[in-house]
Amino acid sequence: MNDADILIGATCITFCSTEYQWCRAEIKSIPAVDLVNVLFVDYGCSETVPRSVVRYVKYDSNIFTGFSNILQNDFLYYI
């Protein structure tokens, strides 16, 4: 991510070490020049990660709510 895009509240994708995969996240704080604290929106956990593993995601109003639309059309939603 460019320095200009690293802002508190920005949406991003970053590697989650507890899930061992790339996940959607929101930047919550910037504790150091090379570190970012993020909240993984799909898991509810937070982690401090190096800026080098933070990837920009163009903001979309559905980025945090898009899965609810998918689940309503999913078979498991009705069980």
C-alpha atoms as a PDB file:
ATOM      1  CA  MET A   1       0.000   0.000   0.000  1.00  0.00           C
ATOM      2  CA  ASN A   2       1.134   3.525  -0.632  1.00  0.00           C
ATOM      3  CA  ASP A   3       1.810   5.623   2.440  1.00  0.00           C
ATOM      4  CA  ALA A   4      -1.121   7.865   1.504  1.00  0.00           C
ATOM      5  CA  ASP A   5      -3.486   4.861   1.628  1.00  0.00           C
ATOM      6  CA  ILE A   6      -2.421   3.726   5.117  1.00  0.00           C
ATOM      7  CA  LEU A   7      -5.074   5.512   7.147  1.00  0.00           C
ATOM      8  CA  ILE A   8      -7.019   4.531  10.243  1.00  0.00           C
ATOM      9  CA  GLY A   9     -10.332   3.106   9.047  1.00  0.00           C
ATOM     10  CA  ALA A  10      -9.022   2.123   5.607  1.00  0.00           C
ATOM     11  CA  THR A  11     -10.037  -1.256   4.221  1.00  0.00           C
ATOM     12  CA  CYS A  12      -7.305  -3.637   3.186  1.00  0.00           C
ATOM     13  CA  ILE A  13      -6.314  -7.244   2.769  1.00  0.00           C
ATOM     14  CA  THR A  14      -3.462  -8.620   4.810  1.00  0.00           C
ATOM     15  CA  PHE A  15      -2.040 -11.953   5.868  1.00  0.00           C
ATOM     16  CA  CYS A  16      -3.555 -13.321   9.088  1.00  0.00           C
ATOM     17  CA  SER A  17      -1.038 -15.490  10.930  1.00  0.00           C
ATOM     18  CA  THR A  18      -3.697 -17.269  13.020  1.00  0.00           C
ATOM     19  CA  GLU A  19      -5.765 -18.261   9.974  1.00  0.00           C
ATOM     20  CA  TYR A  20      -2.758 -18.777   7.658  1.00  0.00           C
ATOM     21  CA  GLN A  21      -4.483 -16.930   4.833  1.00  0.00           C
ATOM     22  CA  TRP A  22      -5.104 -13.474   3.388  1.00  0.00           C
ATOM     23  CA  CYS A  23      -8.132 -11.817   4.994  1.00  0.00           C
ATOM     24  CA  ARG A  24     -10.208  -8.655   4.785  1.00  0.00           C
ATOM     25  CA  ALA A  25      -9.244  -6.128   7.430  1.00  0.00           C
ATOM     26  CA  GLU A  26      -9.683  -2.587   8.650  1.00  0.00           C
ATOM     27  CA  ILE A  27      -6.734  -0.499   9.813  1.00  0.00           C
ATOM     28  CA  LYS A  28      -7.298   0.390  13.477  1.00  0.00           C
ATOM     29  CA  SER A  29      -4.002   2.072  14.389  1.00  0.00           C
ATOM     30  CA  ILE A  30      -0.481   2.724  13.165  1.00  0.00           C
ATOM     31  CA  PRO A  31       1.789   1.965  16.147  1.00  0.00           C
ATOM     32  CA  ALA A  32       5.072   2.382  14.241  1.00  0.00           C
ATOM     33  CA  VAL A  33       6.343   3.506  10.858  1.00  0.00           C
ATOM     34  CA  ASP A  34       6.570  -0.081   9.607  1.00  0.00           C
ATOM     35  CA  LEU A  35       3.651  -1.645  11.559  1.00  0.00           C
ATOM     36  CA  VAL A  36      -0.139  -1.489  11.265  1.00  0.00           C
ATOM     37  CA  ASN A  37      -2.735  -2.812  13.708  1.00  0.00           C
ATOM     38  CA  VAL A  38      -5.694  -4.318  11.855  1.00  0.00           C
ATOM     39  CA  LEU A  39      -9.043  -5.854  12.752  1.00  0.00           C
ATOM     40  CA  PHE A  40      -9.883  -8.922  10.670  1.00  0.00           C
ATOM     41  CA  VAL A  41     -13.518  -8.264   9.868  1.00  0.00           C
ATOM     42  CA  ASP A  42     -14.422 -11.893   9.146  1.00  0.00           C
ATOM     43  CA  TYR A  43     -12.924 -13.264  12.351  1.00  0.00           C
ATOM     44  CA  GLY A  44     -13.148 -10.418  14.873  1.00  0.00           C
ATOM     45  CA  CYS A  45      -9.528 -10.747  15.933  1.00  0.00           C
ATOM     46  CA  SER A  46      -6.845  -8.129  15.586  1.00  0.00           C
ATOM     47  CA  GLU A  47      -3.157  -8.322  14.902  1.00  0.00           C
ATOM     48  CA  THR A  48      -0.197  -6.026  14.348  1.00  0.00           C
ATOM     49  CA  VAL A  49       1.301  -6.724  10.942  1.00  0.00           C
ATOM     50  CA  PRO A  50       4.178  -5.309   8.898  1.00  0.00           C
ATOM     51  CA  ARG A  51       3.123  -2.692   6.357  1.00  0.00           C
ATOM     52  CA  SER A  52       4.802  -4.836   3.706  1.00  0.00           C
ATOM     53  CA  VAL A  53       1.963  -7.406   3.900  1.00  0.00           C
ATOM     54  CA  VAL A  54      -0.893  -4.881   3.732  1.00  0.00           C
ATOM     55  CA  ARG A  55      -2.619  -4.707   0.352  1.00  0.00           C
ATOM     56  CA  TYR A  56      -4.930  -1.926  -0.796  1.00  0.00           C
ATOM     57  CA  VAL A  57      -8.583  -2.674  -1.483  1.00  0.00           C
ATOM     58  CA  LYS A  58     -10.673  -0.095  -3.275  1.00  0.00           C
ATOM     59  CA  TYR A  59     -13.430   0.825  -0.824  1.00  0.00           C
ATOM     60  CA  ASP A  60     -16.804  -0.628  -1.646  1.00  0.00           C
ATOM     61  CA  SER A  61     -19.785  -0.044   0.615  1.00  0.00           C
ATOM     62  CA  ASN A  62     -20.482  -3.794   0.414  1.00  0.00           C
ATOM     63  CA  ILE A  63     -16.997  -4.929   1.449  1.00  0.00           C
ATOM     64  CA  PHE A  64     -18.176  -5.669   4.988  1.00  0.00           C
ATOM     65  CA  THR A  65     -21.755  -6.675   4.180  1.00  0.00           C
ATOM     66  CA  GLY A  66     -21.389  -8.566   0.911  1.00  0.00           C
ATOM     67  CA  PHE A  67     -21.409 -11.996   2.507  1.00  0.00           C
ATOM     68  CA  SER A  68     -24.876 -11.493   3.980  1.00  0.00           C
ATOM     69  CA  ASN A  69     -26.261 -11.284   0.443  1.00  0.00           C
ATOM     70  CA  ILE A  70     -24.475 -14.490  -0.525  1.00  0.00           C
ATOM     71  CA  LEU A  71     -25.641 -16.369   2.569  1.00  0.00           C
ATOM     72  CA  GLN A  72     -29.293 -15.585   1.889  1.00  0.00           C
ATOM     73  CA  ASN A  73     -28.984 -17.374  -1.443  1.00  0.00           C
ATOM     74  CA  ASP A  74     -26.996 -20.249   0.014  1.00  0.00           C
ATOM     75  CA  PHE A  75     -28.671 -23.557   0.816  1.00  0.00           C
ATOM     76  CA  LEU A  76     -27.220 -23.615   4.343  1.00  0.00           C
ATOM     77  CA  TYR A  77     -28.958 -20.339   5.150  1.00  0.00           C
ATOM     78  CA  TYR A  78     -32.300 -22.131   5.128  1.00  0.00           C
ATOM     79  CA  ILE A  79     -31.328 -25.057   7.376  1.00  0.00           C
END
